[in-house]
Amino acid sequence: MKVGVIVFPGSNCDRDMYHVLQDVFKLEVKYFWHEDKLPKNLDAVVLPGGFSYGDRLRAGVIAAHSPVISDVKKMAEKGMPVLGVCNGFQILVESELLPGV
């Protein structure tokens, strides 16, 4: 399984997430910067915690408008696993990927 870990300015748990996915779960993992396009061969994507953009406005709101989010939305629409932890979850909320939240 190939998993992408998205890194935003202010992310601080991306290395921990990478370690767990690669060394504990034995998955193929690659980092992607918030401005990157995601490759089509990913099986899942993770948005780790931290303080994206310093949480200057609302937690996750600026990161929700990053270029990578359009690819994350496409993956979610296809039913692929998308995990947001801490600030990553807040980014998913601000991206309107969680109906009713």
PDB file of N, CA and C in Angstrom:
ATOM      1  N   MET A   1       0.843  -1.178   0.000  1.00  0.00           N
ATOM      2  CA  MET A   1       0.000   0.000   0.000  1.00  0.00           C
ATOM      3  C   MET A   1       0.886   1.238   0.000  1.00  0.00           C
ATOM      4  N   LYS A   2       0.567   2.202  -0.857  1.00  0.00           N
ATOM      5  CA  LYS A   2       1.330   3.448  -0.962  1.00  0.00           C
ATOM      6  C   LYS A   2       0.540   4.578  -0.306  1.00  0.00           C
ATOM      7  N   VAL A   3       1.181   5.234   0.654  1.00  0.00           N
ATOM      8  CA  VAL A   3       0.520   6.286   1.425  1.00  0.00           C
ATOM      9  C   VAL A   3       1.303   7.588   1.297  1.00  0.00           C
ATOM     10  N   GLY A   4       0.585   8.673   1.077  1.00  0.00           N
ATOM     11  CA  GLY A   4       1.190   9.989   1.039  1.00  0.00           C
ATOM     12  C   GLY A   4       0.957  10.721   2.342  1.00  0.00           C
ATOM     13  N   VAL A   5       1.992  11.353   2.865  1.00  0.00           N
ATOM     14  CA  VAL A   5       1.884  12.194   4.057  1.00  0.00           C
ATOM     15  C   VAL A   5       2.050  13.635   3.585  1.00  0.00           C
ATOM     16  N   ILE A   6       1.011  14.440   3.783  1.00  0.00           N
ATOM     17  CA  ILE A   6       1.022  15.823   3.322  1.00  0.00           C
ATOM     18  C   ILE A   6       1.678  16.711   4.379  1.00  0.00           C
ATOM     19  N   VAL A   7       2.598  17.560   3.935  1.00  0.00           N
ATOM     20  CA  VAL A   7       3.305  18.467   4.841  1.00  0.00           C
ATOM     21  C   VAL A   7       2.914  19.910   4.500  1.00  0.00           C
ATOM     22  N   PHE A   8       2.462  20.624   5.514  1.00  0.00           N
ATOM     23  CA  PHE A   8       2.109  22.040   5.396  1.00  0.00           C
ATOM     24  C   PHE A   8       3.113  22.857   6.202  1.00  0.00           C
ATOM     25  N   PRO A   9       3.263  24.149   5.908  1.00  0.00           N
ATOM     26  CA  PRO A   9       4.063  24.980   6.795  1.00  0.00           C
ATOM     27  C   PRO A   9       3.452  24.935   8.195  1.00  0.00           C
ATOM     28  N   GLY A  10       4.214  24.521   9.166  1.00  0.00           N
ATOM     29  CA  GLY A  10       3.715  24.412  10.533  1.00  0.00           C
ATOM     30  C   GLY A  10       3.361  23.001  10.955  1.00  0.00           C
ATOM     31  N   SER A  11       3.381  22.043  10.014  1.00  0.00           N
ATOM     32  CA  SER A  11       3.169  20.642  10.412  1.00  0.00           C
ATOM     33  C   SER A  11       4.298  20.245  11.351  1.00  0.00           C
ATOM     34  N   ASN A  12       3.981  19.458  12.373  1.00  0.00           N
ATOM     35  CA  ASN A  12       5.060  19.029  13.261  1.00  0.00           C
ATOM     36  C   ASN A  12       4.953  17.565  13.660  1.00  0.00           C
ATOM     37  N   CYS A  13       4.043  16.842  13.090  1.00  0.00           N
ATOM     38  CA  CYS A  13       3.909  15.414  13.405  1.00  0.00           C
ATOM     39  C   CYS A  13       4.088  14.552  12.164  1.00  0.00           C
ATOM     40  N   ASP A  14       4.552  15.156  11.081  1.00  0.00           N
ATOM     41  CA  ASP A  14       4.698  14.415   9.829  1.00  0.00           C
ATOM     42  C   ASP A  14       5.758  13.328   9.933  1.00  0.00           C
ATOM     43  N   ARG A  15       6.834  13.569  10.652  1.00  0.00           N
ATOM     44  CA  ARG A  15       7.883  12.549  10.804  1.00  0.00           C
ATOM     45  C   ARG A  15       7.395  11.375  11.642  1.00  0.00           C
ATOM     46  N   ASP A  16       6.642  11.673  12.695  1.00  0.00           N
ATOM     47  CA  ASP A  16       6.072  10.601  13.520  1.00  0.00           C
ATOM     48  C   ASP A  16       5.134   9.733  12.690  1.00  0.00           C
ATOM     49  N   MET A  17       4.277  10.379  11.900  1.00  0.00           N
ATOM     50  CA  MET A  17       3.321   9.658  11.068  1.00  0.00           C
ATOM     51  C   MET A  17       4.061   8.792  10.046  1.00  0.00           C
ATOM     52  N   TYR A  18       5.078   9.354   9.422  1.00  0.00           N
ATOM     53  CA  TYR A  18       5.885   8.619   8.448  1.00  0.00           C
ATOM     54  C   TYR A  18       6.485   7.374   9.099  1.00  0.00           C
ATOM     55  N   HIS A  19       7.086   7.560  10.266  1.00  0.00           N
ATOM     56  CA  HIS A  19       7.716   6.450  10.992  1.00  0.00           C
ATOM     57  C   HIS A  19       6.713   5.331  11.276  1.00  0.00           C
ATOM     58  N   VAL A  20       5.561   5.667  11.801  1.00  0.00           N
ATOM     59  CA  VAL A  20       4.561   4.644  12.137  1.00  0.00           C
ATOM     60  C   VAL A  20       4.094   3.911  10.888  1.00  0.00           C
ATOM     61  N   LEU A  21       3.791   4.656   9.841  1.00  0.00           N
ATOM     62  CA  LEU A  21       3.293   4.021   8.619  1.00  0.00           C
ATOM     63  C   LEU A  21       4.347   3.114   7.985  1.00  0.00           C
ATOM     64  N   GLN A  22       5.600   3.578   7.955  1.00  0.00           N
ATOM     65  CA  GLN A  22       6.664   2.808   7.308  1.00  0.00           C
ATOM     66  C   GLN A  22       7.213   1.699   8.196  1.00  0.00           C
ATOM     67  N   ASP A  23       7.598   2.036   9.414  1.00  0.00           N
ATOM     68  CA  ASP A  23       8.328   1.091  10.258  1.00  0.00           C
ATOM     69  C   ASP A  23       7.441   0.165  11.078  1.00  0.00           C
ATOM     70  N   VAL A  24       6.251   0.609  11.418  1.00  0.00           N
ATOM     71  CA  VAL A  24       5.343  -0.232  12.196  1.00  0.00           C
ATOM     72  C   VAL A  24       4.397  -1.001  11.278  1.00  0.00           C
ATOM     73  N   PHE A  25       3.745  -0.269  10.358  1.00  0.00           N
ATOM     74  CA  PHE A  25       2.774  -0.914   9.470  1.00  0.00           C
ATOM     75  C   PHE A  25       3.385  -1.438   8.176  1.00  0.00           C
ATOM     76  N   LYS A  26       4.680  -1.144   7.941  1.00  0.00           N
ATOM     77  CA  LYS A  26       5.420  -1.643   6.774  1.00  0.00           C
ATOM     78  C   LYS A  26       4.793  -1.215   5.448  1.00  0.00           C
ATOM     79  N   LEU A  27       4.333   0.026   5.382  1.00  0.00           N
ATOM     80  CA  LEU A  27       3.742   0.573   4.169  1.00  0.00           C
ATOM     81  C   LEU A  27       4.774   1.404   3.417  1.00  0.00           C
ATOM     82  N   GLU A  28       4.549   1.578   2.133  1.00  0.00           N
ATOM     83  CA  GLU A  28       5.395   2.458   1.328  1.00  0.00           C
ATOM     84  C   GLU A  28       4.873   3.880   1.524  1.00  0.00           C
ATOM     85  N   VAL A  29       5.738   4.776   1.998  1.00  0.00           N
ATOM     86  CA  VAL A  29       5.302   6.120   2.374  1.00  0.00           C
ATOM     87  C   VAL A  29       6.159   7.169   1.671  1.00  0.00           C
ATOM     88  N   LYS A  30       5.513   8.262   1.292  1.00  0.00           N
ATOM     89  CA  LYS A  30       6.236   9.371   0.678  1.00  0.00           C
ATOM     90  C   LYS A  30       5.636  10.685   1.172  1.00  0.00           C
ATOM     91  N   TYR A  31       6.523  11.663   1.415  1.00  0.00           N
ATOM     92  CA  TYR A  31       6.084  13.006   1.789  1.00  0.00           C
ATOM     93  C   TYR A  31       5.645  13.779   0.549  1.00  0.00           C
ATOM     94  N   PHE A  32       4.669  14.655   0.739  1.00  0.00           N
ATOM     95  CA  PHE A  32       4.263  15.584  -0.310  1.00  0.00           C
ATOM     96  C   PHE A  32       4.070  16.957   0.311  1.00  0.00           C
ATOM     97  N   TRP A  33       4.661  17.961  -0.305  1.00  0.00           N
ATOM     98  CA  TRP A  33       4.529  19.338   0.139  1.00  0.00           C
ATOM     99  C   TRP A  33       3.138  19.831  -0.252  1.00  0.00           C
ATOM    100  N   HIS A  34       2.611  20.780   0.462  1.00  0.00           N
ATOM    101  CA  HIS A  34       1.245  21.270   0.248  1.00  0.00           C
ATOM    102  C   HIS A  34       1.014  21.861  -1.137  1.00  0.00           C
ATOM    103  N   GLU A  35       2.062  22.156  -1.868  1.00  0.00           N
ATOM    104  CA  GLU A  35       1.937  22.698  -3.222  1.00  0.00           C
ATOM    105  C   GLU A  35       2.065  21.619  -4.298  1.00  0.00           C
ATOM    106  N   ASP A  36       2.333  20.377  -3.902  1.00  0.00           N
ATOM    107  CA  ASP A  36       2.540  19.288  -4.859  1.00  0.00           C
ATOM    108  C   ASP A  36       1.229  18.765  -5.435  1.00  0.00           C
ATOM    109  N   LYS A  37       1.351  18.109  -6.585  1.00  0.00           N
ATOM    110  CA  LYS A  37       0.265  17.304  -7.139  1.00  0.00           C
ATOM    111  C   LYS A  37       0.491  15.894  -6.620  1.00  0.00           C
ATOM    112  N   LEU A  38      -0.585  15.224  -6.247  1.00  0.00           N
ATOM    113  CA  LEU A  38      -0.456  13.848  -5.769  1.00  0.00           C
ATOM    114  C   LEU A  38      -0.467  12.890  -6.948  1.00  0.00           C
ATOM    115  N   PRO A  39       0.406  11.887  -6.929  1.00  0.00           N
ATOM    116  CA  PRO A  39       0.404  10.902  -8.014  1.00  0.00           C
ATOM    117  C   PRO A  39      -0.842  10.025  -7.940  1.00  0.00           C
ATOM    118  N   LYS A  40      -1.224   9.492  -9.064  1.00  0.00           N
ATOM    119  CA  LYS A  40      -2.439   8.675  -9.133  1.00  0.00           C
ATOM    120  C   LYS A  40      -2.264   7.289  -8.525  1.00  0.00           C
ATOM    121  N   ASN A  41      -1.026   6.890  -8.229  1.00  0.00           N
ATOM    122  CA  ASN A  41      -0.799   5.537  -7.706  1.00  0.00           C
ATOM    123  C   ASN A  41      -0.848   5.456  -6.179  1.00  0.00           C
ATOM    124  N   LEU A  42      -1.250   6.527  -5.504  1.00  0.00           N
ATOM    125  CA  LEU A  42      -1.389   6.471  -4.043  1.00  0.00           C
ATOM    126  C   LEU A  42      -2.648   5.696  -3.674  1.00  0.00           C
ATOM    127  N   ASP A  43      -2.571   4.966  -2.573  1.00  0.00           N
ATOM    128  CA  ASP A  43      -3.723   4.219  -2.070  1.00  0.00           C
ATOM    129  C   ASP A  43      -4.413   4.941  -0.920  1.00  0.00           C
ATOM    130  N   ALA A  44      -3.704   5.848  -0.268  1.00  0.00           N
ATOM    131  CA  ALA A  44      -4.253   6.580   0.875  1.00  0.00           C
ATOM    132  C   ALA A  44      -3.424   7.838   1.094  1.00  0.00           C
ATOM    133  N   VAL A  45      -3.999   8.763   1.850  1.00  0.00           N
ATOM    134  CA  VAL A  45      -3.293   9.998   2.172  1.00  0.00           C
ATOM    135  C   VAL A  45      -3.576  10.360   3.628  1.00  0.00           C
ATOM    136  N   VAL A  46      -2.545  10.937   4.275  1.00  0.00           N
ATOM    137  CA  VAL A  46      -2.659  11.331   5.678  1.00  0.00           C
ATOM    138  C   VAL A  46      -2.272  12.802   5.811  1.00  0.00           C
ATOM    139  N   LEU A  47      -3.091  13.536   6.552  1.00  0.00           N
ATOM    140  CA  LEU A  47      -2.785  14.919   6.906  1.00  0.00           C
ATOM    141  C   LEU A  47      -2.455  14.919   8.393  1.00  0.00           C
ATOM    142  N   PRO A  48      -1.177  15.091   8.749  1.00  0.00           N
ATOM    143  CA  PRO A  48      -0.770  15.006  10.154  1.00  0.00           C
ATOM    144  C   PRO A  48      -1.100  16.278  10.934  1.00  0.00           C
ATOM    145  N   GLY A  49      -0.799  16.233  12.209  1.00  0.00           N
ATOM    146  CA  GLY A  49      -1.069  17.365  13.091  1.00  0.00           C
ATOM    147  C   GLY A  49      -0.007  18.443  13.027  1.00  0.00           C
ATOM    148  N   GLY A  50      -0.193  19.422  13.855  1.00  0.00           N
ATOM    149  CA  GLY A  50       0.713  20.555  13.916  1.00  0.00           C
ATOM    150  C   GLY A  50      -0.082  21.838  13.990  1.00  0.00           C
ATOM    151  N   PHE A  51       0.480  22.885  13.422  1.00  0.00           N
ATOM    152  CA  PHE A  51      -0.172  24.195  13.424  1.00  0.00           C
ATOM    153  C   PHE A  51      -0.014  24.794  12.033  1.00  0.00           C
ATOM    154  N   SER A  52      -0.737  24.249  11.061  1.00  0.00           N
ATOM    155  CA  SER A  52      -0.584  24.700   9.683  1.00  0.00           C
ATOM    156  C   SER A  52      -0.766  26.211   9.589  1.00  0.00           C
ATOM    157  N   TYR A  53       0.221  26.838   8.981  1.00  0.00           N
ATOM    158  CA  TYR A  53       0.241  28.293   8.818  1.00  0.00           C
ATOM    159  C   TYR A  53       0.071  29.015  10.152  1.00  0.00           C
ATOM    160  N   GLY A  54       0.490  28.372  11.232  1.00  0.00           N
ATOM    161  CA  GLY A  54       0.406  28.970  12.551  1.00  0.00           C
ATOM    162  C   GLY A  54      -1.015  29.116  13.066  1.00  0.00           C
ATOM    163  N   ASP A  55      -1.976  28.480  12.383  1.00  0.00           N
ATOM    164  CA  ASP A  55      -3.397  28.610  12.761  1.00  0.00           C
ATOM    165  C   ASP A  55      -3.774  30.078  12.949  1.00  0.00           C
ATOM    166  N   ARG A  56      -3.316  30.909  12.030  1.00  0.00           N
ATOM    167  CA  ARG A  56      -3.489  32.357  12.145  1.00  0.00           C
ATOM    168  C   ARG A  56      -4.953  32.814  12.146  1.00  0.00           C
ATOM    169  N   LEU A  57      -5.785  32.212  11.326  1.00  0.00           N
ATOM    170  CA  LEU A  57      -7.189  32.624  11.269  1.00  0.00           C
ATOM    171  C   LEU A  57      -8.043  31.673  12.094  1.00  0.00           C
ATOM    172  N   ARG A  58      -8.291  30.527  11.508  1.00  0.00           N
ATOM    173  CA  ARG A  58      -9.017  29.429  12.151  1.00  0.00           C
ATOM    174  C   ARG A  58      -8.194  28.191  11.869  1.00  0.00           C
ATOM    175  N   ALA A  59      -8.159  27.286  12.796  1.00  0.00           N
ATOM    176  CA  ALA A  59      -7.332  26.087  12.627  1.00  0.00           C
ATOM    177  C   ALA A  59      -7.655  25.387  11.310  1.00  0.00           C
ATOM    178  N   GLY A  60      -6.677  25.294  10.429  1.00  0.00           N
ATOM    179  CA  GLY A  60      -6.810  24.555   9.181  1.00  0.00           C
ATOM    180  C   GLY A  60      -7.391  25.311   8.010  1.00  0.00           C
ATOM    181  N   VAL A  61      -7.899  26.523   8.211  1.00  0.00           N
ATOM    182  CA  VAL A  61      -8.606  27.216   7.132  1.00  0.00           C
ATOM    183  C   VAL A  61      -7.678  27.615   5.979  1.00  0.00           C
ATOM    184  N   ILE A  62      -6.474  28.058   6.255  1.00  0.00           N
ATOM    185  CA  ILE A  62      -5.561  28.441   5.171  1.00  0.00           C
ATOM    186  C   ILE A  62      -5.083  27.195   4.436  1.00  0.00           C
ATOM    187  N   ALA A  63      -4.729  26.162   5.171  1.00  0.00           N
ATOM    188  CA  ALA A  63      -4.273  24.915   4.548  1.00  0.00           C
ATOM    189  C   ALA A  63      -5.355  24.302   3.666  1.00  0.00           C
ATOM    190  N   ALA A  64      -6.616  24.510   4.012  1.00  0.00           N
ATOM    191  CA  ALA A  64      -7.725  23.962   3.227  1.00  0.00           C
ATOM    192  C   ALA A  64      -7.755  24.519   1.810  1.00  0.00           C
ATOM    193  N   HIS A  65      -7.057  25.631   1.584  1.00  0.00           N
ATOM    194  CA  HIS A  65      -7.013  26.239   0.255  1.00  0.00           C
ATOM    195  C   HIS A  65      -5.688  25.970  -0.458  1.00  0.00           C
ATOM    196  N   SER A  66      -4.882  25.058   0.071  1.00  0.00           N
ATOM    197  CA  SER A  66      -3.614  24.685  -0.561  1.00  0.00           C
ATOM    198  C   SER A  66      -3.880  23.879  -1.826  1.00  0.00           C
ATOM    199  N   PRO A  67      -2.983  23.970  -2.805  1.00  0.00           N
ATOM    200  CA  PRO A  67      -3.173  23.242  -4.059  1.00  0.00           C
ATOM    201  C   PRO A  67      -3.385  21.735  -3.893  1.00  0.00           C
ATOM    202  N   VAL A  68      -2.729  21.103  -2.935  1.00  0.00           N
ATOM    203  CA  VAL A  68      -2.820  19.650  -2.776  1.00  0.00           C
ATOM    204  C   VAL A  68      -4.232  19.195  -2.387  1.00  0.00           C
ATOM    205  N   ILE A  69      -5.013  20.077  -1.792  1.00  0.00           N
ATOM    206  CA  ILE A  69      -6.331  19.688  -1.292  1.00  0.00           C
ATOM    207  C   ILE A  69      -7.269  19.249  -2.415  1.00  0.00           C
ATOM    208  N   SER A  70      -7.132  19.802  -3.604  1.00  0.00           N
ATOM    209  CA  SER A  70      -8.002  19.350  -4.705  1.00  0.00           C
ATOM    210  C   SER A  70      -7.752  17.879  -5.018  1.00  0.00           C
ATOM    211  N   ASP A  71      -6.504  17.441  -4.944  1.00  0.00           N
ATOM    212  CA  ASP A  71      -6.200  16.022  -5.159  1.00  0.00           C
ATOM    213  C   ASP A  71      -6.707  15.167  -3.998  1.00  0.00           C
ATOM    214  N   VAL A  72      -6.613  15.685  -2.776  1.00  0.00           N
ATOM    215  CA  VAL A  72      -7.133  14.965  -1.609  1.00  0.00           C
ATOM    216  C   VAL A  72      -8.642  14.776  -1.762  1.00  0.00           C
ATOM    217  N   LYS A  73      -9.338  15.808  -2.213  1.00  0.00           N
ATOM    218  CA  LYS A  73     -10.791  15.716  -2.425  1.00  0.00           C
ATOM    219  C   LYS A  73     -11.125  14.666  -3.481  1.00  0.00           C
ATOM    220  N   LYS A  74     -10.354  14.624  -4.552  1.00  0.00           N
ATOM    221  CA  LYS A  74     -10.584  13.621  -5.605  1.00  0.00           C
ATOM    222  C   LYS A  74     -10.410  12.211  -5.053  1.00  0.00           C
ATOM    223  N   MET A  75      -9.397  12.021  -4.220  1.00  0.00           N
ATOM    224  CA  MET A  75      -9.184  10.704  -3.609  1.00  0.00           C
ATOM    225  C   MET A  75     -10.372  10.332  -2.723  1.00  0.00           C
ATOM    226  N   ALA A  76     -10.838  11.283  -1.932  1.00  0.00           N
ATOM    227  CA  ALA A  76     -11.975  11.025  -1.043  1.00  0.00           C
ATOM    228  C   ALA A  76     -13.228  10.691  -1.846  1.00  0.00           C
ATOM    229  N   GLU A  77     -13.444  11.396  -2.946  1.00  0.00           N
ATOM    230  CA  GLU A  77     -14.609  11.138  -3.797  1.00  0.00           C
ATOM    231  C   GLU A  77     -14.583   9.732  -4.384  1.00  0.00           C
ATOM    232  N   LYS A  78     -13.385   9.193  -4.588  1.00  0.00           N
ATOM    233  CA  LYS A  78     -13.240   7.826  -5.111  1.00  0.00           C
ATOM    234  C   LYS A  78     -13.349   6.779  -4.009  1.00  0.00           C
ATOM    235  N   GLY A  79     -13.534   7.229  -2.768  1.00  0.00           N
ATOM    236  CA  GLY A  79     -13.658   6.302  -1.646  1.00  0.00           C
ATOM    237  C   GLY A  79     -12.339   5.824  -1.080  1.00  0.00           C
ATOM    238  N   MET A  80     -11.253   6.498  -1.439  1.00  0.00           N
ATOM    239  CA  MET A  80      -9.939   6.113  -0.931  1.00  0.00           C
ATOM    240  C   MET A  80      -9.766   6.633   0.493  1.00  0.00           C
ATOM    241  N   PRO A  81      -8.968   5.945   1.301  1.00  0.00           N
ATOM    242  CA  PRO A  81      -8.764   6.382   2.689  1.00  0.00           C
ATOM    243  C   PRO A  81      -8.051   7.731   2.780  1.00  0.00           C
ATOM    244  N   VAL A  82      -8.639   8.625   3.548  1.00  0.00           N
ATOM    245  CA  VAL A  82      -8.054   9.931   3.845  1.00  0.00           C
ATOM    246  C   VAL A  82      -8.133  10.092   5.355  1.00  0.00           C
ATOM    247  N   LEU A  83      -6.976  10.265   5.994  1.00  0.00           N
ATOM    248  CA  LEU A  83      -6.921  10.383   7.446  1.00  0.00           C
ATOM    249  C   LEU A  83      -6.379  11.749   7.836  1.00  0.00           C
ATOM    250  N   GLY A  84      -7.077  12.414   8.719  1.00  0.00           N
ATOM    251  CA  GLY A  84      -6.607  13.674   9.281  1.00  0.00           C
ATOM    252  C   GLY A  84      -6.454  13.521  10.778  1.00  0.00           C
ATOM    253  N   VAL A  85      -5.272  13.836  11.285  1.00  0.00           N
ATOM    254  CA  VAL A  85      -4.998  13.724  12.718  1.00  0.00           C
ATOM    255  C   VAL A  85      -4.772  15.126  13.275  1.00  0.00           C
ATOM    256  N   CYS A  86      -5.474  15.455  14.356  1.00  0.00           N
ATOM    257  CA  CYS A  86      -5.321  16.744  15.029  1.00  0.00           C
ATOM    258  C   CYS A  86      -5.570  17.885  14.038  1.00  0.00           C
ATOM    259  N   ASN A  87      -4.579  18.682  13.731  1.00  0.00           N
ATOM    260  CA  ASN A  87      -4.742  19.785  12.795  1.00  0.00           C
ATOM    261  C   ASN A  87      -5.114  19.277  11.405  1.00  0.00           C
ATOM    262  N   GLY A  88      -4.674  18.074  11.052  1.00  0.00           N
ATOM    263  CA  GLY A  88      -5.060  17.477   9.776  1.00  0.00           C
ATOM    264  C   GLY A  88      -6.559  17.251   9.685  1.00  0.00           C
ATOM    265  N   PHE A  89      -7.176  16.860  10.792  1.00  0.00           N
ATOM    266  CA  PHE A  89      -8.627  16.700  10.840  1.00  0.00           C
ATOM    267  C   PHE A  89      -9.305  18.055  10.667  1.00  0.00           C
ATOM    268  N   GLN A  90      -8.759  19.086  11.297  1.00  0.00           N
ATOM    269  CA  GLN A  90      -9.312  20.433  11.155  1.00  0.00           C
ATOM    270  C   GLN A  90      -9.222  20.908   9.705  1.00  0.00           C
ATOM    271  N   ILE A  91      -8.150  20.539   9.011  1.00  0.00           N
ATOM    272  CA  ILE A  91      -8.012  20.884   7.597  1.00  0.00           C
ATOM    273  C   ILE A  91      -9.103  20.186   6.788  1.00  0.00           C
ATOM    274  N   LEU A  92      -9.375  18.923   7.092  1.00  0.00           N
ATOM    275  CA  LEU A  92     -10.444  18.200   6.392  1.00  0.00           C
ATOM    276  C   LEU A  92     -11.800  18.852   6.641  1.00  0.00           C
ATOM    277  N   VAL A  93     -12.045  19.303   7.860  1.00  0.00           N
ATOM    278  CA  VAL A  93     -13.300  20.006   8.173  1.00  0.00           C
ATOM    279  C   VAL A  93     -13.396  21.283   7.346  1.00  0.00           C
ATOM    280  N   GLU A  94     -12.345  22.085   7.343  1.00  0.00           N
ATOM    281  CA  GLU A  94     -12.342  23.344   6.597  1.00  0.00           C
ATOM    282  C   GLU A  94     -12.402  23.118   5.088  1.00  0.00           C
ATOM    283  N   SER A  95     -11.987  21.936   4.630  1.00  0.00           N
ATOM    284  CA  SER A  95     -12.036  21.593   3.208  1.00  0.00           C
ATOM    285  C   SER A  95     -13.408  21.083   2.797  1.00  0.00           C
ATOM    286  N   GLU A  96     -14.318  21.006   3.758  1.00  0.00           N
ATOM    287  CA  GLU A  96     -15.681  20.512   3.541  1.00  0.00           C
ATOM    288  C   GLU A  96     -15.689  19.058   3.078  1.00  0.00           C
ATOM    289  N   LEU A  97     -14.743  18.284   3.588  1.00  0.00           N
ATOM    290  CA  LEU A  97     -14.687  16.858   3.271  1.00  0.00           C
ATOM    291  C   LEU A  97     -15.451  16.010   4.279  1.00  0.00           C
ATOM    292  N   LEU A  98     -15.952  16.628   5.325  1.00  0.00           N
ATOM    293  CA  LEU A  98     -16.687  15.897   6.355  1.00  0.00           C
ATOM    294  C   LEU A  98     -18.102  16.460   6.446  1.00  0.00           C
ATOM    295  N   PRO A  99     -19.039  15.863   5.715  1.00  0.00           N
ATOM    296  CA  PRO A  99     -20.414  16.380   5.697  1.00  0.00           C
ATOM    297  C   PRO A  99     -21.006  16.463   7.101  1.00  0.00           C
ATOM    298  N   GLY A 100     -21.710  17.544   7.352  1.00  0.00           N
ATOM    299  CA  GLY A 100     -22.385  17.710   8.627  1.00  0.00           C
ATOM    300  C   GLY A 100     -21.531  18.271   9.736  1.00  0.00           C
ATOM    301  N   VAL A 101     -20.273  18.548   9.442  1.00  0.00           N
ATOM    302  CA  VAL A 101     -19.384  19.078  10.481  1.00  0.00           C
ATOM    303  C   VAL A 101     -19.173  20.558  10.248  1.00  0.00           C
TER     304      VAL A 101
END
